[in-house]
């Protein structure tokens, strides 16, 4: 879901363990960068069990990535994809924290 304009748009996400970022683009050609989530900014990753994402196209597959300054609502294409993305994002963020210690 968009940050300023609260509407749902498809985005292509790229997890980069070396740069410790989760970048997102308009499409899979990765030509227009829309934003970057730094692992160090991620506070929580959780399933949207309260259904707080307004007008989610699929509430059962909606999850949240909470950072210091924004809450990202995301919808996965399947339950398996949602579990994988949540695990990867949590692992990346935790890995960053362990790396810093």
Protein backbone atom coordinates (compact mmCIF):
# COMPACT_ATOMS: atom_id res chain seq x y z
CA UNK A 1 0.00 0.00 0.00
CA UNK A 2 1.32 3.42 -0.90
CA UNK A 3 2.83 5.72 1.71
CA UNK A 4 1.25 9.07 0.91
CA UNK A 5 -1.65 7.97 -1.27
CA UNK A 6 -3.24 4.96 0.42
CA UNK A 7 -3.94 2.78 -2.59
CA UNK A 8 -2.66 -0.67 -3.50
CA UNK A 9 -0.03 -0.97 -6.23
CA UNK A 10 2.08 -3.87 -7.45
CA UNK A 11 5.77 -3.57 -6.61
CA UNK A 12 8.82 -5.72 -7.33
CA UNK A 13 10.92 -6.28 -4.20
CA UNK A 14 14.63 -7.13 -4.17
CA UNK A 15 16.29 -8.44 -1.01
CA UNK A 16 20.02 -7.60 -0.96
CA UNK A 17 21.94 -9.29 1.85
CA UNK A 18 25.21 -7.53 0.96
CA UNK A 19 23.75 -4.02 0.92
CA UNK A 20 21.43 -4.97 3.79
CA UNK A 21 18.43 -3.48 2.00
CA UNK A 22 15.00 -4.35 0.71
CA UNK A 23 14.51 -2.23 -2.43
CA UNK A 24 11.28 -1.92 -4.33
CA UNK A 25 10.57 -1.03 -7.93
CA UNK A 26 7.61 -0.34 -10.21
CA UNK A 27 8.16 -3.66 -12.05
CA UNK A 28 10.46 -6.65 -12.39
CA UNK A 29 12.70 -4.85 -14.90
CA UNK A 30 13.98 -2.81 -11.92
CA UNK A 31 14.20 0.38 -13.97
CA UNK A 32 12.41 2.76 -11.58
CA UNK A 33 13.38 2.53 -7.91
CA UNK A 34 10.45 3.53 -5.70
CA UNK A 35 12.09 3.11 -2.30
CA UNK A 36 14.53 1.33 -0.03
CA UNK A 37 14.00 -0.26 3.38
CA UNK A 38 17.25 -0.58 5.32
CA UNK A 39 17.58 -3.64 7.56
CA UNK A 40 18.70 -1.43 10.46
CA UNK A 41 15.39 0.47 10.30
CA UNK A 42 13.19 -2.64 10.53
CA UNK A 43 11.60 -3.03 13.96
CA UNK A 44 9.02 -5.76 13.31
CA UNK A 45 7.60 -8.03 10.62
CA UNK A 46 4.20 -9.51 11.37
CA UNK A 47 1.01 -10.97 9.92
CA UNK A 48 -1.82 -8.40 9.74
CA UNK A 49 -4.10 -10.41 12.05
CA UNK A 50 -6.06 -7.28 13.03
CA UNK A 51 -6.87 -6.64 9.36
CA UNK A 52 -5.72 -3.04 9.77
CA UNK A 53 -4.65 -2.65 6.12
CA UNK A 54 -7.46 -0.65 4.52
CA UNK A 55 -9.12 -2.39 1.58
CA UNK A 56 -6.42 -5.05 1.24
CA UNK A 57 -6.91 -7.02 -1.99
CA UNK A 58 -6.33 -10.18 0.05
CA UNK A 59 -6.48 -9.75 3.85
CA UNK A 60 -5.43 -13.36 4.48
CA UNK A 61 -2.11 -12.73 2.68
CA UNK A 62 -1.36 -9.27 4.11
CA UNK A 63 1.66 -8.69 6.33
CA UNK A 64 3.40 -5.65 7.78
CA UNK A 65 6.98 -4.42 7.89
CA UNK A 66 7.37 -1.80 10.62
CA UNK A 67 10.32 0.58 10.41
CA UNK A 68 11.34 3.58 12.51
CA UNK A 69 9.34 5.98 10.34
CA UNK A 70 6.78 3.96 8.35
CA UNK A 71 4.53 0.93 8.42
CA UNK A 72 4.59 -0.98 5.12
CA UNK A 73 1.58 -3.15 4.28
CA UNK A 74 2.34 -5.89 1.78
CA UNK A 75 0.28 -8.61 0.13
CA UNK A 76 1.93 -11.83 -1.03
CA UNK A 77 0.71 -13.88 -4.01
CA UNK A 78 0.33 -17.02 -1.83
CA UNK A 79 0.52 -18.18 1.79
CA UNK A 80 3.85 -19.89 1.07
CA UNK A 81 5.29 -16.72 -0.51
CA UNK A 82 4.12 -14.69 2.50
CA UNK A 83 5.86 -17.06 4.95
CA UNK A 84 9.06 -17.00 2.89
CA UNK A 85 9.14 -13.20 2.57
CA UNK A 86 8.40 -12.70 6.26
CA UNK A 87 11.14 -15.17 7.26
CA UNK A 88 13.68 -13.64 4.87
CA UNK A 89 12.96 -10.07 6.01
CA UNK A 90 13.10 -11.03 9.71
CA UNK A 91 16.30 -13.02 9.16
CA UNK A 92 17.89 -10.15 7.26
CA UNK A 93 16.98 -7.60 9.91
CA UNK A 94 18.10 -9.89 12.75
CA UNK A 95 21.25 -10.78 10.83
CA UNK A 96 22.03 -7.08 10.58
CA UNK A 97 21.58 -6.68 14.34
CA UNK A 98 23.85 -9.66 15.06
CA UNK A 99 26.40 -8.31 12.58
CA UNK A 100 26.53 -5.01 14.50
CA UNK A 101 27.13 -6.74 17.88
